[in-house]
Amino acid sequence: MNETIHVSSSPHVRSKVTTRYIMYLVIIALLPATVFGVYNFGARALLTIVITVASSVLTEYIFEKCMHRTITIQDGSAALTGLLLALNLPATVPWWMGILGGVFAILVVKQLFGGLGQNFMNPALGARCFLLISFTSMMTNFEYHGESAATPLAALKAGEVVNTKDMLLGFTAGTIGETSAIALLIGAIILLWFGIIDIVIPGLYILTFVIFISLFGGHGFDPAFITAHLCGGGLMLGAWFMATDYVTSPITPKGKIIFGILLGILTGLFRLFGSSAEGVSYAIIISNIIVPIIDKYTIPRAFGKQKEKKGGAKV
């Protein structure tokens, strides 16, 4: 009887879930926020989304073609990056900023570091911060119903009263995809239902943030103040759709806990004590950079492996 043993490299247990499946399911989960953003801000928002997504996909195609690499645009990762970037842009930005942001996200943050799975930060947020630093006035120019308007978070930071119901529904000024907390929560439920993300990182992110602003926000545990902060800005978009990015978030259970807590603290610091009313993008990017350190010190010790003391002795 032939009992030949086939030896192969790990992993030995493989999931049937593909990268393409994950990427397109996340895109589907973003559709409620995308559709509402177009409804809320009109044709300019739709144009920004189309241009940004198209430039991201085209940049990936051209780069891989020139470098004689396998074309990977069919996996949906470039399209998802473009969509996330577009949802983080005001509808008022000129068309060329969508192209510039898409090129930066794909070429600089993703491909120059090795492509999908090698980027050290979320490409969409990296591009957003690049645009925010380079073109601050245009990236912070928000219009609603044809008039310039401050975002609810900016108004809240200035001590003004905000309408939390409008913020929950999304009828406020802001970036294309961040205004409707309900639309984003619908997308989050889709991701949780299909097991694409788990609750640990976004749950701890939001919980830590609530605790932080309750302690240091000057309002105590004020439900209206907390709700305004949760529904305002990019917190829901960032917590559910970008902080949970597989590539740039920790892989260890303890690491995910540390990551979520760190995100909540950083966002609270930036929002309460920073010059800007927002802070989600910078909080996620800084945390992304620290992820390798988090993983290094939280990775479980292999069964049977001993810990080495200084000097080489084992215990």
Protein backbone atom coordinates (compact mmCIF):
# COMPACT_ATOMS: atom_id res chain seq x y z
CA MET A 1 0.00 0.00 0.00
CA ASN A 2 1.39 3.36 -1.04
CA GLU A 3 1.56 5.67 1.97
CA THR A 4 3.48 8.52 0.38
CA ILE A 5 3.35 11.64 2.52
CA HIS A 6 3.12 14.89 0.61
CA VAL A 7 5.10 17.65 2.28
CA SER A 8 4.23 21.27 1.53
CA SER A 9 4.92 24.64 3.03
CA SER A 10 2.46 26.28 5.37
CA PRO A 11 -0.33 27.23 5.57
CA HIS A 12 -1.77 23.73 5.54
CA VAL A 13 -5.34 24.85 6.20
CA ARG A 14 -6.60 27.35 3.65
CA SER A 15 -9.78 29.39 3.66
CA LYS A 16 -12.02 29.60 0.62
CA VAL A 17 -12.47 33.31 1.28
CA THR A 18 -10.46 35.22 -1.31
CA THR A 19 -9.05 38.72 -1.32
CA ARG A 20 -11.44 39.58 -4.13
CA TYR A 21 -14.44 38.40 -2.09
CA ILE A 22 -13.38 40.51 0.90
CA MET A 23 -12.66 43.65 -1.12
CA TYR A 24 -15.93 43.60 -3.03
CA LEU A 25 -17.93 42.86 0.10
CA VAL A 26 -16.37 45.90 1.79
CA ILE A 27 -17.25 47.96 -1.30
CA ILE A 28 -20.84 46.73 -1.02
CA ALA A 29 -20.86 47.64 2.68
CA LEU A 30 -19.76 51.17 1.75
CA LEU A 31 -22.57 51.62 -0.76
CA PRO A 32 -25.12 53.00 1.77
CA ALA A 33 -22.70 55.78 2.77
CA THR A 34 -21.71 56.33 -0.87
CA VAL A 35 -25.27 56.61 -2.13
CA PHE A 36 -26.22 58.92 0.72
CA GLY A 37 -23.15 61.06 0.08
CA VAL A 38 -24.16 61.53 -3.55
CA TYR A 39 -27.73 62.30 -2.48
CA ASN A 40 -26.51 64.74 0.16
CA PHE A 41 -23.91 66.60 -1.90
CA GLY A 42 -25.08 66.09 -5.46
CA ALA A 43 -23.35 65.51 -8.80
CA ARG A 44 -20.01 66.93 -7.63
CA ALA A 45 -19.73 64.16 -5.07
CA LEU A 46 -20.46 61.52 -7.72
CA LEU A 47 -17.84 63.03 -10.03
CA THR A 48 -15.25 63.03 -7.24
CA ILE A 49 -15.98 59.37 -6.45
CA VAL A 50 -15.76 58.26 -10.10
CA ILE A 51 -12.53 60.18 -10.77
CA THR A 52 -10.82 59.01 -7.58
CA VAL A 53 -11.74 55.35 -8.04
CA ALA A 54 -10.80 55.41 -11.73
CA SER A 55 -7.43 57.06 -11.08
CA SER A 56 -6.62 54.53 -8.35
CA VAL A 57 -7.42 51.54 -10.56
CA LEU A 58 -5.62 53.02 -13.57
CA THR A 59 -2.52 53.84 -11.51
CA GLU A 60 -2.29 50.26 -10.29
CA TYR A 61 -2.74 48.91 -13.82
CA ILE A 62 -0.11 51.18 -15.38
CA PHE A 63 2.44 50.56 -12.62
CA GLU A 64 2.07 46.77 -12.74
CA LYS A 65 2.16 46.82 -16.53
CA CYS A 66 5.35 48.89 -16.60
CA MET A 67 6.98 46.74 -13.91
CA HIS A 68 5.92 43.53 -15.70
CA ARG A 69 4.01 42.36 -12.68
CA THR A 70 0.78 40.39 -12.55
CA ILE A 71 -2.18 42.72 -13.08
CA THR A 72 -4.21 42.70 -9.86
CA ILE A 73 -6.90 45.31 -10.46
CA GLN A 74 -9.51 42.57 -10.62
CA ASP A 75 -9.09 41.84 -6.90
CA GLY A 76 -10.89 45.09 -6.05
CA SER A 77 -8.24 46.45 -3.66
CA ALA A 78 -7.41 49.48 -5.82
CA ALA A 79 -11.09 50.26 -6.34
CA LEU A 80 -11.71 50.02 -2.60
CA THR A 81 -8.78 52.33 -1.87
CA GLY A 82 -10.13 54.87 -4.36
CA LEU A 83 -13.62 54.67 -2.89
CA LEU A 84 -12.39 55.11 0.69
CA LEU A 85 -10.28 58.07 -0.35
CA ALA A 86 -13.20 59.66 -2.20
CA LEU A 87 -15.47 59.25 0.83
CA ASN A 88 -12.84 61.09 2.88
CA LEU A 89 -12.83 64.10 0.53
CA PRO A 90 -15.13 67.13 0.54
CA ALA A 91 -17.41 67.27 -2.48
CA THR A 92 -15.98 70.72 -3.24
CA VAL A 93 -12.44 69.58 -4.09
CA PRO A 94 -11.31 70.16 -7.70
CA TRP A 95 -11.25 67.10 -9.95
CA TRP A 96 -7.46 66.93 -10.15
CA MET A 97 -7.18 66.36 -6.40
CA GLY A 98 -9.01 63.07 -6.77
CA ILE A 99 -6.47 62.02 -9.39
CA LEU A 100 -3.50 63.19 -7.32
CA GLY A 101 -4.82 61.44 -4.23
CA GLY A 102 -5.48 58.20 -6.12
CA VAL A 103 -1.98 58.19 -7.62
CA PHE A 104 -0.37 58.89 -4.23
CA ALA A 105 -2.40 56.19 -2.46
CA ILE A 106 -1.64 53.46 -4.98
CA LEU A 107 1.82 54.38 -6.20
CA VAL A 108 3.52 55.81 -3.11
CA VAL A 109 1.79 54.12 -0.17
CA LYS A 110 0.91 50.77 -1.75
CA GLN A 111 3.00 49.74 -4.76
CA LEU A 112 6.37 51.25 -3.82
CA PHE A 113 6.24 49.19 -0.63
CA GLY A 114 5.52 45.94 -2.43
CA GLY A 115 1.84 46.04 -3.30
CA LEU A 116 -1.16 44.53 -1.55
CA GLY A 117 -0.23 43.18 1.86
CA GLN A 118 3.02 45.16 2.17
CA ASN A 119 1.84 48.73 2.77
CA PHE A 120 2.71 50.09 6.21
CA MET A 121 -0.31 52.37 6.50
CA ASN A 122 -3.80 52.55 5.08
CA PRO A 123 -3.31 53.89 1.52
CA ALA A 124 -6.54 55.91 1.46
CA LEU A 125 -5.76 57.64 4.75
CA GLY A 126 -2.15 58.19 3.72
CA ALA A 127 -3.37 59.98 0.61
CA ARG A 128 -5.95 61.96 2.56
CA CYS A 129 -3.34 63.23 5.01
CA PHE A 130 -1.03 64.07 2.10
CA LEU A 131 -3.78 66.15 0.49
CA LEU A 132 -4.75 67.71 3.82
CA ILE A 133 -1.20 68.84 4.51
CA SER A 134 -0.58 70.01 0.95
CA PHE A 135 -3.92 71.69 0.22
CA THR A 136 -5.34 72.52 3.64
CA SER A 137 -7.75 75.25 2.56
CA MET A 138 -9.39 73.13 -0.15
CA MET A 139 -9.54 70.04 2.04
CA THR A 140 -11.26 71.98 4.83
CA ASN A 141 -13.67 73.90 2.61
CA PHE A 142 -17.10 72.41 3.18
CA GLU A 143 -20.35 73.44 1.52
CA TYR A 144 -23.87 72.35 2.29
CA HIS A 145 -26.84 73.34 0.14
CA GLY A 146 -24.61 75.70 -1.82
CA GLU A 147 -23.30 77.61 1.18
CA SER A 148 -20.01 77.37 3.06
CA ALA A 149 -20.58 75.71 6.41
CA ALA A 150 -18.53 74.54 9.34
CA THR A 151 -18.65 70.86 10.17
CA PRO A 152 -20.58 69.92 13.33
CA LEU A 153 -17.31 69.01 15.06
CA ALA A 154 -15.84 72.42 14.30
CA ALA A 155 -18.99 74.06 15.65
CA LEU A 156 -18.87 71.84 18.72
CA LYS A 157 -15.23 72.72 19.34
CA ALA A 158 -16.16 76.42 19.11
CA GLY A 159 -18.74 75.92 21.86
CA GLU A 160 -21.79 76.03 19.62
CA VAL A 161 -24.85 73.80 19.89
CA VAL A 162 -25.15 71.10 17.22
CA ASN A 163 -28.10 69.07 15.99
CA THR A 164 -27.27 65.46 16.86
CA LYS A 165 -30.30 64.15 14.95
CA ASP A 166 -29.06 65.70 11.72
CA MET A 167 -25.60 64.30 12.45
CA LEU A 168 -27.02 60.82 12.98
CA LEU A 169 -28.97 60.98 9.73
CA GLY A 170 -26.24 62.80 7.81
CA PHE A 171 -27.81 66.12 6.86
CA THR A 172 -24.71 68.14 7.74
CA ALA A 173 -21.54 69.48 6.18
CA GLY A 174 -18.54 67.17 5.99
CA THR A 175 -16.72 64.84 3.65
CA ILE A 176 -18.72 62.80 1.16
CA GLY A 177 -18.90 59.59 3.17
CA GLU A 178 -18.61 60.60 6.81
CA THR A 179 -21.84 62.48 7.48
CA SER A 180 -24.42 59.70 7.91
CA ALA A 181 -23.69 57.57 10.98
CA ILE A 182 -26.69 55.38 10.17
CA ALA A 183 -25.46 54.59 6.65
CA LEU A 184 -22.03 53.68 8.01
CA LEU A 185 -23.52 51.50 10.74
CA ILE A 186 -25.54 49.62 8.13
CA GLY A 187 -22.28 48.90 6.34
CA ALA A 188 -20.63 47.86 9.60
CA ILE A 189 -23.43 45.39 10.28
CA ILE A 190 -22.88 43.86 6.83
CA LEU A 191 -19.17 43.36 7.55
CA LEU A 192 -19.85 41.87 10.98
CA TRP A 193 -22.60 39.61 9.64
CA PHE A 194 -20.33 38.10 6.97
CA GLY A 195 -17.39 37.83 9.35
CA ILE A 196 -15.16 40.20 7.41
CA ILE A 197 -14.33 42.13 10.59
CA ASP A 198 -14.77 41.45 14.28
CA ILE A 199 -15.91 43.79 17.01
CA VAL A 200 -12.64 44.00 18.97
CA ILE A 201 -10.82 46.88 17.27
CA PRO A 202 -13.79 49.15 16.42
CA GLY A 203 -15.54 48.32 19.69
CA LEU A 204 -12.53 49.17 21.86
CA TYR A 205 -11.76 52.18 19.70
CA ILE A 206 -15.21 53.67 20.26
CA LEU A 207 -15.40 52.64 23.94
CA THR A 208 -11.97 54.10 24.76
CA PHE A 209 -12.82 57.29 22.91
CA VAL A 210 -16.08 57.69 24.85
CA ILE A 211 -14.29 57.19 28.16
CA PHE A 212 -11.56 59.65 27.18
CA ILE A 213 -13.87 62.49 26.16
CA SER A 214 -16.06 61.85 29.22
CA LEU A 215 -13.03 62.30 31.47
CA PHE A 216 -11.31 65.16 29.68
CA GLY A 217 -13.98 66.78 27.50
CA GLY A 218 -15.25 69.13 30.20
CA HIS A 219 -18.84 67.87 29.90
CA GLY A 220 -18.67 64.73 31.99
CA PHE A 221 -20.81 61.85 30.78
CA ASP A 222 -23.06 64.03 28.65
CA PRO A 223 -25.01 61.85 26.15
CA ALA A 224 -25.55 64.73 23.72
CA PHE A 225 -21.85 65.66 23.72
CA ILE A 226 -20.78 62.04 23.30
CA THR A 227 -23.32 61.37 20.54
CA ALA A 228 -22.15 64.45 18.64
CA HIS A 229 -18.55 63.24 18.77
CA LEU A 230 -19.47 59.72 17.73
CA CYS A 231 -21.60 60.83 14.80
CA GLY A 232 -19.37 63.71 13.75
CA GLY A 233 -16.27 63.56 11.61
CA GLY A 234 -14.76 60.36 10.34
CA LEU A 235 -14.97 58.29 13.52
CA MET A 236 -17.53 55.77 12.27
CA LEU A 237 -15.95 55.55 8.83
CA GLY A 238 -12.49 55.15 10.32
CA ALA A 239 -13.41 52.74 13.11
CA TRP A 240 -15.38 50.25 11.02
CA PHE A 241 -13.76 50.49 7.59
CA MET A 242 -10.14 51.62 7.97
CA ALA A 243 -8.92 50.72 11.45
CA THR A 244 -9.95 47.13 10.66
CA ASP A 245 -7.78 46.91 7.54
CA TYR A 246 -6.15 43.46 7.59
CA VAL A 247 -2.75 44.66 6.41
CA THR A 248 -2.26 47.61 8.73
CA SER A 249 -3.87 46.30 11.95
CA PRO A 250 -2.37 43.82 14.45
CA ILE A 251 -2.68 40.09 13.92
CA THR A 252 -2.49 39.05 17.58
CA PRO A 253 -5.49 39.08 19.98
CA LYS A 254 -3.66 41.19 22.56
CA GLY A 255 -2.35 43.43 19.83
CA LYS A 256 -5.88 44.17 18.61
CA ILE A 257 -6.87 45.23 22.12
CA ILE A 258 -3.87 47.55 22.44
CA PHE A 259 -4.50 48.91 18.95
CA GLY A 260 -8.15 49.73 19.65
CA ILE A 261 -7.33 51.45 22.94
CA LEU A 262 -4.50 53.43 21.33
CA LEU A 263 -6.82 54.63 18.56
CA GLY A 264 -9.38 55.86 21.06
CA ILE A 265 -6.81 57.75 23.13
CA LEU A 266 -5.12 59.37 20.12
CA THR A 267 -8.43 60.44 18.58
CA GLY A 268 -9.51 61.94 21.89
CA LEU A 269 -6.21 63.80 22.25
CA PHE A 270 -6.36 65.23 18.75
CA ARG A 271 -10.01 66.26 18.98
CA LEU A 272 -9.94 67.80 22.45
CA PHE A 273 -6.45 69.29 22.60
CA GLY A 274 -5.40 69.63 18.97
CA SER A 275 -5.89 72.63 16.73
CA SER A 276 -8.22 70.67 14.42
CA ALA A 277 -11.69 69.45 15.33
CA GLU A 278 -10.96 66.08 13.69
CA GLY A 279 -8.21 63.56 14.35
CA VAL A 280 -9.28 60.13 13.15
CA SER A 281 -6.99 59.99 10.11
CA TYR A 282 -3.85 60.89 12.03
CA ALA A 283 -4.78 58.57 14.90
CA ILE A 284 -5.13 55.59 12.55
CA ILE A 285 -1.96 56.36 10.59
CA ILE A 286 0.16 56.76 13.73
CA SER A 287 -1.26 53.53 15.11
CA ASN A 288 -0.59 51.79 11.77
CA ILE A 289 3.08 52.72 12.05
CA ILE A 290 3.27 51.24 15.56
CA VAL A 291 1.59 47.95 14.55
CA PRO A 292 4.88 46.05 13.88
CA ILE A 293 6.02 46.86 17.43
CA ILE A 294 2.65 45.85 18.86
CA ASP A 295 2.76 42.53 17.01
CA LYS A 296 6.36 41.88 18.05
CA TYR A 297 5.64 42.13 21.76
CA THR A 298 2.22 40.49 21.78
CA ILE A 299 2.82 37.45 19.58
CA PRO A 300 2.04 34.27 21.57
CA ARG A 301 5.00 32.07 22.42
CA ALA A 302 5.03 28.83 20.44
CA PHE A 303 4.15 25.72 22.45
CA GLY A 304 7.30 24.23 23.95
CA LYS A 305 9.47 27.25 23.17
CA GLN A 306 11.43 28.64 26.09
CA LYS A 307 12.08 32.25 26.80
CA GLU A 308 15.72 33.28 26.69
CA LYS A 309 17.23 35.38 29.42
CA LYS A 310 19.79 38.04 28.77
CA GLY A 311 23.07 36.30 28.19
CA GLY A 312 21.53 33.33 26.40
CA ALA A 313 20.25 31.25 29.33
CA LYS A 314 16.80 29.71 28.90
CA VAL A 315 14.01 29.56 31.43
